[in-house]
C-alpha cells in the first residue's frame, strides 16, 4: 500500500436482468508515485501517454508535504518570506517541479488528476517525537497553509515559471493570496488547474498518522480510545479550508483514503484501526452510531452536550460536503491475499466484499448529524494483487493477478455506491535496498504492477485493458467485461463467443454496449463445458480484439 507493504456470487448475480450499477460514470484510477515523481519531463510525457492509451481516466498522485516544505527535517519552523506559507513561491521551487510536470503532461494527454495532500509532515509541524517525526499529530494550522499553497499553485491562474510581470498592475486574487497582475497585451502561460483532491493517505494506518490509539494502558478492548480519527478530523477541516480559499471549494474533494484492515488489541496500541471503526470515530459516533457524550466525547475532541452537538455539522463542512470517501479495499490479511468475495472476520475491516459496512456507517453518520448532502460514494483509489514472483513471500501467481483484479472490478461495477476502480501500481516497486534474498524487509515494497521492474508486461495487462469475469450456475452464465481503451461514451460492438473443447468459436450473443465506460454485463446459456470470451470491435481500428477466455463447467 503506497509506500509500504473461484467461488460464485449469489444467484441474483446470475439472473438475466442486469444488476444495478454505478459504472456508467465509474472512473479508472491509477497510482504509481515512484514511477512519476522522480522522472524527467520526457519520461512523464511518455508514461502518461501510455496510461492514456491503456484507458486510465484519472491519475492519483501523492503530494508529500515533507517533500515540498522548506527545512523539512528541522524542528525549527522556518521563516517564510512574504506573503507567507500560503504562497507557493515561499517554498523551494525545485520541490514543485515534479508536480508541475505531471500537471502539464496530464493536460496534454487529457488525463484527470487526483492530488492527495498527505504526510509525512515536516519535522517542524509535529511535536518532535523522534522516530515519529512527520507522523505524530501534524499541526493542522500548518497543514491548512500548505493546502492553500498547493491549491493556489494549481488553481489554473498561477504562472508556470513563478514570475509576475508588472506586479503593480491588475493584481490577481487567488483565494487569500494576491499575486502580481499581467496586462492583457502580455499573456503568460499558466499551470493547469487540478480539480481532484483527497486528504491524507491511510490515516488509520500507523505508517501515515500517529498515534492510532490513545496510549492509556488499557486492559480491555473496550477501554481503548481512538486518537487518529479525531486528529484526522482537524486535518480534514484544515485542508478543506485551504482548498476552498484557493478556488477549489467546488472541486472533487475526497476524504478517508483508508487502509482496508486493522486490529483492536489492548496490548498492541500501534496497530492500524479498522476502517469502519475509524469512520465512526471520525464522526464522533459509538458502535451503535449514537454520539459520544460527556467525558468520552471530551477525550475525543467531540461535542459533549446537545448545545455543542448542534454546531458539529457546520463546524466540519468537509466531513459532510466531501464528494466521496476514498478507500483501499484490498482482499488481504496477515495470511496473504484472498479472493474478492472474502470477508474479513473482524466486521469493521473492509475488503472489497463488504464495502456496505463502510457505506452504512457513512449514511448513519449523515442521518445522525442531520446532513442533507447526497449519499457519499466510495472512491476506490488503491486496489490490486501482488504477484509471487517477484515477491518470494506474499502474492498470487502472475497468471491469477488479472482474473482476480477483474473479479474485483466486477464487484465494484455491481455496487451502485462505487465511483471508481483503481490499479496500484503501473510498474512493480523495486525491492528495498540494503537487504538480501527472502528477507521480509527487502520485500515490504509493493509488487502489484502491470509491468515487471524490467518493463516486461505481466499477464494481467491484457485483463486490465479488456477485463472479463464470469459467474455460472448450471447452464446459465453471466459474463462481465470491459473495453477500457475505448474513448468515454463511444458505443461499442461486442460478441460473446463460445467454443467447446478443441472446436471453433461460435457466437452466442451480439451486444451493442452503450455504457459510457465500456462495460457490459450479459446473461447467456452455455450448452456444455468449454470456453467463453468477449470479442470487441475496436472503434478506432475496426478490428476484432478478444479478451482472455474463461472456462465453462
Protein backbone atom coordinates (compact mmCIF):
# COMPACT_ATOMS: atom_id res chain seq x y z
CA UNK A 1 0.00 0.00 0.00
CA UNK A 2 1.54 3.27 -1.18
CA UNK A 3 4.97 3.40 0.34
CA UNK A 4 4.94 0.05 2.18
CA UNK A 5 3.87 -3.30 2.12
CA UNK A 6 -13.48 -19.23 -7.97
CA UNK A 7 -16.42 -19.09 -5.59
CA UNK A 8 -19.66 -17.88 -7.15
CA UNK A 9 -21.63 -14.87 -6.04
CA UNK A 10 -25.27 -15.07 -5.00
CA UNK A 11 -27.72 -16.39 -7.56
CA UNK A 12 -29.14 -12.92 -8.11
CA UNK A 13 -25.95 -12.01 -9.93
CA UNK A 14 -26.78 -14.71 -12.50
CA UNK A 15 -30.29 -13.56 -13.25
CA UNK A 16 -30.94 -12.40 -16.81
CA UNK A 17 -31.62 -8.83 -15.72
CA UNK A 18 -28.52 -6.64 -15.47
CA UNK A 19 -27.57 -5.70 -11.92
CA UNK A 20 -27.79 -2.18 -10.58
CA UNK A 21 -24.51 -0.48 -11.35
CA UNK A 22 -22.57 2.68 -10.64
CA UNK A 23 -20.28 2.17 -13.58
CA UNK A 24 -22.00 4.48 -16.05
CA UNK A 25 -19.60 7.03 -14.59
CA UNK A 26 -17.14 4.75 -12.78
CA UNK A 27 -13.63 6.02 -13.39
CA UNK A 28 -10.40 4.07 -13.80
CA UNK A 29 -7.80 5.45 -11.37
CA UNK A 30 -4.11 4.51 -11.41
CA UNK A 31 -1.33 5.45 -8.99
CA UNK A 32 2.42 4.97 -9.23
CA UNK A 33 4.32 7.71 -7.40
CA UNK A 34 7.81 6.14 -7.72
CA UNK A 35 7.46 5.93 -11.50
CA UNK A 36 6.44 9.56 -11.93
CA UNK A 37 7.74 11.81 -9.17
CA UNK A 38 11.40 11.14 -9.98
CA UNK A 39 11.03 11.04 -13.75
CA UNK A 40 12.14 13.64 -16.29
CA UNK A 41 9.60 15.65 -18.25
CA UNK A 42 10.10 13.49 -21.35
CA UNK A 43 9.69 10.31 -19.30
CA UNK A 44 6.50 11.61 -17.67
CA UNK A 45 5.21 12.58 -21.13
CA UNK A 46 5.87 9.07 -22.45
CA UNK A 47 4.40 7.29 -19.42
CA UNK A 48 1.24 9.38 -19.27
CA UNK A 49 0.74 8.84 -22.99
CA UNK A 50 0.88 5.08 -22.38
CA UNK A 51 -1.51 5.30 -19.41
CA UNK A 52 -3.99 7.21 -21.52
CA UNK A 53 -3.69 4.60 -24.27
CA UNK A 54 -4.40 1.86 -21.69
CA UNK A 55 -7.65 3.61 -20.73
CA UNK A 56 -6.74 5.31 -17.44
CA UNK A 57 -9.16 8.14 -16.63
CA UNK A 58 -7.52 9.71 -13.59
CA UNK A 59 -4.02 9.60 -12.14
CA UNK A 60 -3.68 9.69 -8.37
CA UNK A 61 -0.53 11.44 -7.15
CA UNK A 62 0.70 11.85 -3.57
CA UNK A 63 1.65 15.45 -2.79
CA UNK A 64 4.05 14.79 0.07
CA UNK A 65 4.15 17.69 2.49
CA UNK A 66 7.71 16.99 3.68
CA UNK A 67 8.98 16.82 0.09
CA UNK A 68 7.83 20.37 -0.61
CA UNK A 69 8.18 22.14 2.74
CA UNK A 70 11.37 24.10 3.46
CA UNK A 71 13.72 22.82 6.18
CA UNK A 72 11.54 19.72 6.46
CA UNK A 73 13.94 17.85 8.78
CA UNK A 74 14.39 20.69 11.22
CA UNK A 75 12.43 21.11 14.42
CA UNK A 76 12.77 24.87 13.94
CA UNK A 77 9.93 26.33 11.90
CA UNK A 78 11.44 28.34 9.03
CA UNK A 79 10.77 31.99 8.38
CA UNK A 80 8.58 32.02 5.27
CA UNK A 81 9.14 35.05 3.03
CA UNK A 82 6.24 37.44 2.50
CA UNK A 83 3.37 36.82 1.85
CA UNK A 84 3.94 33.66 3.89
CA UNK A 85 3.31 29.89 3.81
CA UNK A 86 0.07 30.15 1.83
CA UNK A 87 2.04 31.41 -1.19
CA UNK A 88 3.72 28.82 -3.49
CA UNK A 89 6.80 30.96 -4.06
CA UNK A 90 7.58 30.73 -0.33
CA UNK A 91 8.52 27.07 -0.86
CA UNK A 92 11.64 25.67 -2.59
CA UNK A 93 10.88 25.97 -6.28
CA UNK A 94 12.59 22.70 -7.24
CA UNK A 95 10.18 20.83 -4.95
CA UNK A 96 7.22 21.84 -7.13
CA UNK A 97 8.76 20.69 -10.41
CA UNK A 98 7.60 17.04 -10.36
CA UNK A 99 4.01 18.14 -9.75
CA UNK A 100 4.19 20.93 -12.33
CA UNK A 101 5.42 18.41 -14.89
CA UNK A 102 2.69 15.92 -14.07
CA UNK A 103 0.01 18.63 -14.25
CA UNK A 104 1.29 19.88 -17.62
CA UNK A 105 1.59 16.39 -19.14
CA UNK A 106 -1.77 15.28 -17.74
CA UNK A 107 -3.35 18.23 -19.54
CA UNK A 108 -1.53 17.29 -22.74
CA UNK A 109 -2.86 13.72 -22.59
CA UNK A 110 -6.32 14.63 -21.26
CA UNK A 111 -5.84 12.70 -18.02
CA UNK A 112 -7.70 13.70 -14.88
CA UNK A 113 -5.71 14.15 -11.68
CA UNK A 114 -6.35 13.33 -8.04
CA UNK A 115 -3.76 15.10 -5.89
CA UNK A 116 -3.60 13.54 -2.41
CA UNK A 117 -2.34 16.09 0.13
CA UNK A 118 -0.53 13.90 2.60
CA UNK A 119 2.25 13.46 5.11
CA UNK A 120 4.73 12.82 6.35
CA UNK A 121 4.75 16.37 7.68
CA UNK A 122 7.91 18.43 8.04
CA UNK A 123 9.51 17.90 11.44
CA UNK A 124 8.74 21.48 12.47
CA UNK A 125 4.99 20.81 12.04
CA UNK A 126 4.99 17.95 14.59
CA UNK A 127 5.71 17.87 18.34
CA UNK A 128 9.08 16.19 17.73
CA UNK A 129 8.74 12.63 18.94
CA UNK A 130 11.98 11.36 17.35
CA UNK A 131 11.11 8.23 15.35
CA UNK A 132 7.57 9.55 14.97
CA UNK A 133 8.58 12.84 13.39
CA UNK A 134 6.38 13.67 10.47
CA UNK A 135 3.62 11.29 11.59
CA UNK A 136 2.79 12.28 15.15
CA UNK A 137 -0.07 14.81 15.36
CA UNK A 138 0.84 17.07 12.42
CA UNK A 139 -0.13 20.68 13.07
CA UNK A 140 -3.48 21.41 11.42
CA UNK A 141 -2.83 25.14 11.04
CA UNK A 142 0.40 24.47 9.15
CA UNK A 143 -1.37 21.87 7.02
CA UNK A 144 -4.03 24.45 6.14
CA UNK A 145 -1.30 26.81 4.93
CA UNK A 146 0.28 24.04 2.86
CA UNK A 147 -3.07 23.03 1.33
CA UNK A 148 -3.69 26.67 0.43
CA UNK A 149 -0.29 26.96 -1.27
CA UNK A 150 -0.88 23.80 -3.31
CA UNK A 151 -4.37 24.98 -4.22
CA UNK A 152 -3.09 28.39 -5.32
CA UNK A 153 -0.37 26.86 -7.47
CA UNK A 154 -2.83 24.54 -9.26
CA UNK A 155 -5.72 26.99 -9.48
CA UNK A 156 -5.25 27.48 -13.22
CA UNK A 157 -4.21 31.10 -12.58
CA UNK A 158 -0.63 30.64 -11.41
CA UNK A 159 2.28 31.33 -13.83
CA UNK A 160 4.35 28.36 -14.97
CA UNK A 161 7.65 30.00 -14.04
CA UNK A 162 6.58 31.84 -10.84
CA UNK A 163 7.22 35.24 -12.44
CA UNK A 164 4.67 38.02 -12.23
CA UNK A 165 5.42 40.75 -14.74
CA UNK A 166 4.15 44.24 -13.93
CA UNK A 167 3.28 43.24 -10.41
CA UNK A 168 1.85 46.66 -9.65
CA UNK A 169 -0.86 46.35 -12.31
CA UNK A 170 -4.09 44.39 -12.08
CA UNK A 171 -3.17 42.01 -9.23
CA UNK A 172 -4.70 38.55 -9.42
CA UNK A 173 -6.61 37.34 -6.37
CA UNK A 174 -6.31 33.59 -5.77
CA UNK A 175 -8.20 32.91 -2.59
CA UNK A 176 -6.42 34.75 0.22
CA UNK A 177 -3.27 35.27 -1.86
CA UNK A 178 -2.78 38.26 -4.14
CA UNK A 179 -0.20 37.79 -6.87
CA UNK A 180 1.18 40.15 -9.45
CA UNK A 181 -1.01 41.02 -12.38
CA UNK A 182 -0.37 40.63 -16.08
CA UNK A 183 -1.67 43.18 -18.60
CA UNK A 184 -3.91 41.69 -21.32
CA UNK A 185 -1.33 42.53 -24.00
CA UNK A 186 1.31 40.41 -22.23
CA UNK A 187 -0.21 36.98 -21.58
CA UNK A 188 1.92 34.40 -19.78
CA UNK A 189 1.48 30.63 -19.58
CA UNK A 190 -0.30 29.31 -16.52
CA UNK A 191 -0.02 26.00 -14.73
CA UNK A 192 -3.06 23.76 -15.35
CA UNK A 193 -5.89 23.67 -12.87
CA UNK A 194 -6.15 20.49 -10.79
CA UNK A 195 -9.77 19.72 -9.89
CA UNK A 196 -9.43 16.43 -8.00
CA UNK A 197 -8.15 16.24 -4.40
CA UNK A 198 -8.04 13.88 -1.46
CA UNK A 199 -6.88 14.44 2.10
CA UNK A 200 -4.09 12.37 3.68
CA UNK A 201 -3.15 8.80 2.84
CA UNK A 202 -4.30 5.94 5.09
CA UNK A 203 -4.85 7.92 8.30
CA UNK A 204 -5.98 4.72 10.04
CA UNK A 205 -2.55 3.16 9.45
CA UNK A 206 0.47 3.93 11.70
CA UNK A 207 2.84 4.34 8.75
CA UNK A 208 0.98 7.56 7.91
CA UNK A 209 -0.52 9.02 11.09
CA UNK A 210 0.15 8.51 14.81
CA UNK A 211 -0.92 7.79 17.42
CA UNK A 212 -3.69 5.49 16.26
CA UNK A 213 -4.91 4.87 19.81
CA UNK A 214 -4.52 6.89 22.99
CA UNK A 215 -1.65 5.40 24.98
CA UNK A 216 -3.66 4.90 28.17
CA UNK A 217 -2.53 1.34 29.02
CA UNK A 218 -5.99 -0.19 28.52
CA UNK A 219 -6.72 -3.63 29.97
CA UNK A 220 -9.67 -4.42 27.70
CA UNK A 221 -10.57 -3.59 24.11
CA UNK A 222 -13.49 -1.50 25.29
CA UNK A 223 -11.08 0.68 27.25
CA UNK A 224 -9.16 1.64 24.10
CA UNK A 225 -9.67 5.24 22.98
CA UNK A 226 -9.29 6.22 19.35
CA UNK A 227 -6.81 9.00 18.62
CA UNK A 228 -6.10 9.11 14.87
CA UNK A 229 -9.69 9.74 13.67
CA UNK A 230 -10.02 12.81 15.82
CA UNK A 231 -6.72 14.27 14.74
CA UNK A 232 -7.60 13.43 11.14
CA UNK A 233 -10.81 15.42 11.58
CA UNK A 234 -8.68 18.51 12.25
CA UNK A 235 -6.60 17.78 9.14
CA UNK A 236 -9.76 17.49 7.04
CA UNK A 237 -11.01 20.81 8.44
CA UNK A 238 -7.65 22.41 7.63
CA UNK A 239 -7.34 21.08 4.09
CA UNK A 240 -10.99 21.85 3.32
CA UNK A 241 -10.42 25.47 4.35
CA UNK A 242 -7.17 25.74 2.40
CA UNK A 243 -8.62 24.25 -0.78
CA UNK A 244 -11.82 26.29 -0.51
CA UNK A 245 -9.86 29.50 -0.06
CA UNK A 246 -7.74 28.75 -3.13
CA UNK A 247 -10.70 28.36 -5.55
CA UNK A 248 -11.24 24.59 -5.16
CA UNK A 249 -14.32 24.52 -2.93
CA UNK A 250 -16.50 23.03 -5.67
CA UNK A 251 -13.92 20.55 -6.94
CA UNK A 252 -13.87 16.81 -6.37
CA UNK A 253 -12.57 16.60 -2.78
CA UNK A 254 -12.38 13.18 -1.13
CA UNK A 255 -11.77 12.27 2.48
CA UNK A 256 -10.78 8.93 4.00
CA UNK A 257 -8.16 7.21 1.83
CA UNK A 258 -8.38 4.45 4.43
CA UNK A 259 -6.41 1.21 4.52
CA UNK A 260 -8.59 -1.94 4.41
CA UNK A 261 -7.84 -3.51 7.76
CA UNK A 262 -6.73 -3.05 11.33
CA UNK A 263 -6.99 -4.73 14.72
CA UNK A 264 -8.12 -3.93 18.23
CA UNK A 265 -5.81 -5.38 20.88
CA UNK A 266 -5.07 -3.58 24.15
CA UNK A 267 -1.53 -4.96 24.11
CA UNK A 268 -0.83 -3.58 20.61
CA UNK A 269 -1.76 0.10 20.51
CA UNK A 270 0.49 0.57 17.49
CA UNK A 271 -1.86 -1.44 15.27
CA UNK A 272 -3.90 0.07 12.47
CA UNK A 273 -7.55 0.83 13.16
CA UNK A 274 -10.31 -1.00 11.25
CA UNK A 275 -11.64 1.45 8.65
CA UNK A 276 -15.34 1.26 9.57
CA UNK A 277 -14.47 1.99 13.19
CA UNK A 278 -12.22 4.82 12.03
CA UNK A 279 -15.13 6.31 10.08
CA UNK A 280 -17.47 6.09 13.10
CA UNK A 281 -14.93 7.76 15.35
CA UNK A 282 -14.26 10.42 12.71
CA UNK A 283 -17.92 11.40 13.05
CA UNK A 284 -17.83 11.12 16.88
CA UNK A 285 -20.09 8.06 16.93
CA UNK A 286 -20.07 4.93 19.07
CA UNK A 287 -20.58 1.42 17.69
CA UNK A 288 -24.37 1.89 17.81
CA UNK A 289 -23.98 5.12 15.78
CA UNK A 290 -25.00 7.27 18.72
CA UNK A 291 -22.82 10.32 19.51
CA UNK A 292 -20.30 10.22 22.30
CA UNK A 293 -21.24 12.44 25.22
CA UNK A 294 -19.63 13.82 28.34
CA UNK A 295 -16.12 12.74 29.28
CA UNK A 296 -15.93 10.14 26.48
CA UNK A 297 -16.67 12.89 23.95
CA UNK A 298 -14.19 15.29 25.53
CA UNK A 299 -11.39 12.72 25.30
CA UNK A 300 -12.05 12.54 21.54
CA UNK A 301 -12.44 16.28 20.96
CA UNK A 302 -16.12 15.65 20.16
CA UNK A 303 -19.17 17.69 21.19
CA UNK A 304 -20.05 16.93 24.81
CA UNK A 305 -23.68 18.01 25.02
CA UNK A 306 -26.69 18.95 22.92
CA UNK A 307 -25.58 22.57 22.56
CA UNK A 308 -22.18 21.59 21.18
CA UNK A 309 -23.70 18.87 19.01
CA UNK A 310 -25.88 21.44 17.24
CA UNK A 311 -22.76 23.06 15.83
CA UNK A 312 -20.96 19.90 14.68
CA UNK A 313 -22.36 19.85 11.13
CA UNK A 314 -21.45 23.47 10.44
CA UNK A 315 -18.04 23.28 12.10
CA UNK A 316 -16.87 20.35 9.97
CA UNK A 317 -18.06 21.00 6.39
CA UNK A 318 -15.50 18.65 4.87
CA UNK A 319 -16.94 15.67 6.71
CA UNK A 320 -20.36 16.18 5.15
CA UNK A 321 -19.76 18.01 1.87
CA UNK A 322 -16.87 15.95 0.55
CA UNK A 323 -17.71 14.40 -2.81
CA UNK A 324 -16.75 10.92 -1.68
CA UNK A 325 -14.96 8.68 0.79
CA UNK A 326 -11.78 7.14 -0.65
CA UNK A 327 -10.86 3.60 0.37
CA UNK A 328 -8.27 0.90 -0.46
CA UNK A 329 -10.27 -2.36 -0.28
CA UNK A 330 -7.50 -4.93 -0.77
CA UNK A 331 -8.60 -8.50 -0.05
CA UNK A 332 -5.64 -9.07 2.21
CA UNK A 333 -4.98 -10.32 5.71
CA UNK A 334 -1.92 -11.44 7.63
CA UNK A 335 -2.04 -14.83 5.91
CA UNK A 336 -1.95 -13.42 2.42
CA UNK A 337 -4.17 -12.47 -0.50
CA UNK A 338 -7.78 -13.65 -0.70
CA UNK A 339 -10.48 -13.86 -3.37
CA UNK A 340 -12.55 -10.71 -3.85
CA UNK A 341 -15.59 -12.38 -2.26
CA UNK A 342 -13.69 -12.92 1.01
CA UNK A 343 -14.98 -11.09 4.07
CA UNK A 344 -12.66 -10.29 6.94
CA UNK A 345 -13.69 -11.99 10.21
CA UNK A 346 -13.39 -8.64 12.00
CA UNK A 347 -16.54 -6.92 10.75
CA UNK A 348 -15.10 -3.38 10.87
CA UNK A 349 -12.42 -4.31 8.35
CA UNK A 350 -13.48 -3.51 4.79
CA UNK A 351 -12.11 -5.52 1.85
CA UNK A 352 -13.98 -5.10 -1.42
CA UNK A 353 -16.58 -7.75 -0.47
CA UNK A 354 -18.05 -5.71 2.38
CA UNK A 355 -17.97 -2.10 1.27
CA UNK A 356 -21.53 -1.99 2.60
CA UNK A 357 -20.10 -1.83 6.11
CA UNK A 358 -18.48 1.47 5.20
CA UNK A 359 -21.45 2.97 3.34
CA UNK A 360 -23.82 2.09 6.18
CA UNK A 361 -21.51 3.88 8.60
CA UNK A 362 -21.32 6.98 6.39
CA UNK A 363 -25.08 7.01 5.86
CA UNK A 364 -25.72 6.58 9.58
CA UNK A 365 -23.36 9.47 10.36
CA UNK A 366 -25.13 11.74 7.88
CA UNK A 367 -28.53 10.88 9.39
CA UNK A 368 -27.30 11.30 12.94
CA UNK A 369 -25.95 14.79 12.31
CA UNK A 370 -28.78 15.91 10.02
CA UNK A 371 -26.77 16.28 6.82
CA UNK A 372 -28.82 16.84 3.68
CA UNK A 373 -25.89 16.26 1.33
CA UNK A 374 -26.21 13.42 -1.21
CA UNK A 375 -25.11 9.99 -0.04
CA UNK A 376 -21.35 9.80 -0.18
CA UNK A 377 -19.99 7.48 -2.87
CA UNK A 378 -16.99 5.23 -2.34
CA UNK A 379 -13.94 6.02 -4.44
CA UNK A 380 -11.63 3.04 -4.72
CA UNK A 381 -8.28 4.78 -5.10
CA UNK A 382 -5.98 1.80 -4.48
CA UNK A 383 -6.62 -1.81 -5.48
CA UNK A 384 -4.85 -4.78 -7.00
CA UNK A 385 -2.99 -8.00 -6.27
CA UNK A 386 0.69 -8.55 -5.62
CA UNK A 387 2.40 -11.31 -7.57
CA UNK A 388 4.76 -14.05 -6.48
CA UNK A 389 7.25 -13.71 -8.20
CA UNK A 390 8.84 -11.24 -7.93
CA UNK A 391 7.88 -11.14 -4.24
CA UNK A 392 9.05 -14.55 -2.98
CA UNK A 393 6.95 -14.40 0.20
CA UNK A 394 3.46 -12.98 -0.41
CA UNK A 395 1.39 -12.79 -3.57
CA UNK A 396 -0.61 -14.67 -6.17
CA UNK A 397 0.67 -16.38 -9.30
CA UNK A 398 1.11 -13.87 -12.16
CA UNK A 399 -1.50 -15.81 -14.14
CA UNK A 400 -4.06 -15.19 -11.36
CA UNK A 401 -3.41 -11.46 -10.89
CA UNK A 402 -5.52 -10.34 -13.85
CA UNK A 403 -8.50 -12.65 -13.25
CA UNK A 404 -8.66 -11.69 -9.57
CA UNK A 405 -8.45 -7.98 -10.34
CA UNK A 406 -11.18 -8.33 -12.98
CA UNK A 407 -13.34 -10.16 -10.44
CA UNK A 408 -12.89 -7.28 -8.01
CA UNK A 409 -13.74 -4.82 -10.77
CA UNK A 410 -16.98 -6.72 -11.41
CA UNK A 411 -17.88 -6.41 -7.73
CA UNK A 412 -17.22 -2.67 -7.90
CA UNK A 413 -19.34 -2.44 -11.07
CA UNK A 414 -22.29 -4.09 -9.33
CA UNK A 415 -22.16 -1.73 -6.35
CA UNK A 416 -24.17 1.45 -7.06
CA UNK A 417 -22.17 3.40 -4.46
CA UNK A 418 -18.77 2.85 -6.10
CA UNK A 419 -17.47 5.75 -8.21
CA UNK A 420 -14.08 4.39 -9.29
CA UNK A 421 -11.89 1.33 -9.60
CA UNK A 422 -8.13 1.58 -9.15
CA UNK A 423 -4.93 -0.08 -10.27
CA UNK A 424 -1.98 0.18 -7.92
CA UNK A 425 0.75 0.09 -9.40
CA UNK A 426 1.82 0.61 -13.04
CA UNK A 427 5.30 -0.94 -12.57
CA UNK A 428 6.38 -3.20 -9.70
CA UNK A 429 8.28 -1.48 -6.91
CA UNK A 430 11.95 -2.33 -6.58
CA UNK A 431 12.99 -4.39 -3.53
CA UNK A 432 14.12 -2.34 -0.54
CA UNK A 433 17.90 -1.82 -0.78
CA UNK A 434 20.19 -2.97 1.98
CA UNK A 435 18.61 -6.41 2.40
CA UNK A 436 19.13 -9.63 0.50
CA UNK A 437 17.33 -12.80 -0.58
CA UNK A 438 13.98 -13.54 1.05
CA UNK A 439 14.43 -11.13 3.96
CA UNK A 440 10.89 -9.79 4.62
CA UNK A 441 12.34 -6.29 5.00
CA UNK A 442 13.56 -6.49 1.40
CA UNK A 443 10.03 -7.26 0.18
CA UNK A 444 7.99 -4.75 2.15
CA UNK A 445 7.66 -2.80 -1.12
CA UNK A 446 4.74 -3.48 -3.45
CA UNK A 447 4.71 -5.79 -6.50
CA UNK A 448 1.20 -5.30 -7.90
CA UNK A 449 2.13 -3.59 -11.17
CA UNK A 450 1.00 -4.31 -14.71
CA UNK A 451 4.67 -4.42 -15.68
CA UNK A 452 7.68 -6.01 -14.02
CA UNK A 453 10.54 -3.91 -12.78
CA UNK A 454 12.43 -4.55 -16.06
CA UNK A 455 9.40 -3.25 -18.01
CA UNK A 456 8.06 -6.59 -19.23
CA UNK A 457 4.25 -6.73 -19.37
CA UNK A 458 2.66 -9.14 -16.90
CA UNK A 459 -0.23 -11.38 -17.98
CA UNK A 460 -2.54 -9.03 -16.06
CA UNK A 461 -2.02 -6.26 -18.61
CA UNK A 462 -4.46 -7.92 -21.01
CA UNK A 463 -7.04 -8.22 -18.24
CA UNK A 464 -6.59 -4.57 -17.38
CA UNK A 465 -7.26 -3.46 -20.94
CA UNK A 466 -10.07 -5.98 -21.57
CA UNK A 467 -11.26 -7.38 -18.22
CA UNK A 468 -13.56 -10.40 -18.18
CA UNK A 469 -15.24 -12.27 -15.34
CA UNK A 470 -17.99 -14.89 -15.39
CA UNK A 471 -20.38 -16.41 -12.87
CA UNK A 472 -22.05 -19.74 -13.69
CA UNK A 473 -24.99 -21.62 -12.26
CA UNK A 474 -25.99 -24.71 -14.20
CA UNK A 475 -26.11 -23.75 -17.86
CA UNK A 476 -26.76 -20.09 -17.04
CA UNK A 477 -23.79 -17.76 -17.06
CA UNK A 478 -23.34 -14.05 -16.53
CA UNK A 479 -20.43 -12.53 -18.42
CA UNK A 480 -18.94 -9.22 -17.34
CA UNK A 481 -16.33 -7.38 -19.31
CA UNK A 482 -14.95 -4.06 -20.41
CA UNK A 483 -13.05 -2.40 -23.20
CA UNK A 484 -11.02 0.17 -21.30
CA UNK A 485 -9.11 1.64 -24.21
CA UNK A 486 -12.24 2.94 -25.96
CA UNK A 487 -13.00 6.65 -25.68
CA UNK A 488 -15.53 7.50 -22.99
CA UNK A 489 -19.10 7.48 -24.28
CA UNK A 490 -18.40 5.77 -27.62
CA UNK A 491 -20.92 2.95 -28.43
CA UNK A 492 -19.18 -0.39 -28.83
CA UNK A 493 -19.96 -3.66 -30.57
CA UNK A 494 -19.13 -6.94 -28.88
CA UNK A 495 -19.76 -10.66 -29.34
CA UNK A 496 -19.96 -13.30 -26.64
CA UNK A 497 -18.31 -16.35 -28.18
CA UNK A 498 -18.28 -19.96 -27.02
CA UNK A 499 -16.08 -22.88 -28.03
CA UNK A 500 -16.49 -26.48 -26.90
CA UNK A 501 -13.27 -28.38 -26.31
CA UNK A 502 -10.99 -28.44 -29.39
CA UNK A 503 -13.59 -26.79 -31.65
CA UNK A 504 -14.04 -23.45 -33.35
CA UNK A 505 -15.57 -20.36 -31.77
CA UNK A 506 -19.26 -19.66 -32.30
CA UNK A 507 -21.26 -16.52 -31.45
CA UNK A 508 -23.79 -16.90 -28.63
CA UNK A 509 -24.83 -13.25 -28.45
CA UNK A 510 -24.10 -9.93 -30.10
CA UNK A 511 -24.22 -6.82 -27.94
CA UNK A 512 -24.20 -3.07 -28.52
CA UNK A 513 -22.56 -1.52 -25.48
CA UNK A 514 -23.69 2.00 -24.63
CA UNK A 515 -22.16 2.14 -21.17
CA UNK A 516 -20.01 5.28 -21.07
CA UNK A 517 -17.06 3.39 -19.59
CA UNK A 518 -17.26 0.44 -21.98
CA UNK A 519 -18.65 -2.17 -19.57
CA UNK A 520 -21.04 -4.96 -20.39
CA UNK A 521 -22.83 -7.49 -18.19
CA UNK A 522 -24.99 -10.02 -20.04
CA UNK A 523 -26.69 -13.33 -19.32
CA UNK A 524 -26.18 -16.28 -21.65
CA UNK A 525 -26.86 -20.01 -21.76
CA UNK A 526 -23.91 -22.28 -22.43
CA UNK A 527 -24.65 -25.69 -23.98
CA UNK A 528 -21.85 -27.70 -22.34
CA UNK A 529 -18.31 -27.35 -20.95
CA UNK A 530 -15.86 -25.31 -22.97
CA UNK A 531 -14.63 -21.72 -23.13
CA UNK A 532 -16.22 -18.28 -23.38
CA UNK A 533 -14.66 -14.99 -24.43
CA UNK A 534 -15.67 -11.46 -25.42
CA UNK A 535 -14.67 -10.24 -28.88
CA UNK A 536 -14.73 -6.47 -29.17
CA UNK A 537 -14.77 -4.40 -32.34
CA UNK A 538 -12.15 -1.72 -31.77
CA UNK A 539 -13.85 1.52 -32.90
CA UNK A 540 -10.53 3.15 -33.83
CA UNK A 541 -9.05 0.33 -35.94
CA UNK A 542 -12.29 -1.53 -36.88
CA UNK A 543 -10.50 -4.75 -35.96
CA UNK A 544 -11.73 -7.50 -33.64
CA UNK A 545 -9.82 -8.00 -30.37
CA UNK A 546 -10.55 -10.75 -27.87
CA UNK A 547 -10.48 -10.92 -24.11
CA UNK A 548 -8.95 -13.77 -22.17
CA UNK A 549 -11.03 -16.96 -22.29
CA UNK A 550 -12.92 -18.17 -19.23
CA UNK A 551 -13.83 -21.77 -18.52
CA UNK A 552 -17.36 -23.14 -18.77
CA UNK A 553 -18.01 -26.09 -16.47
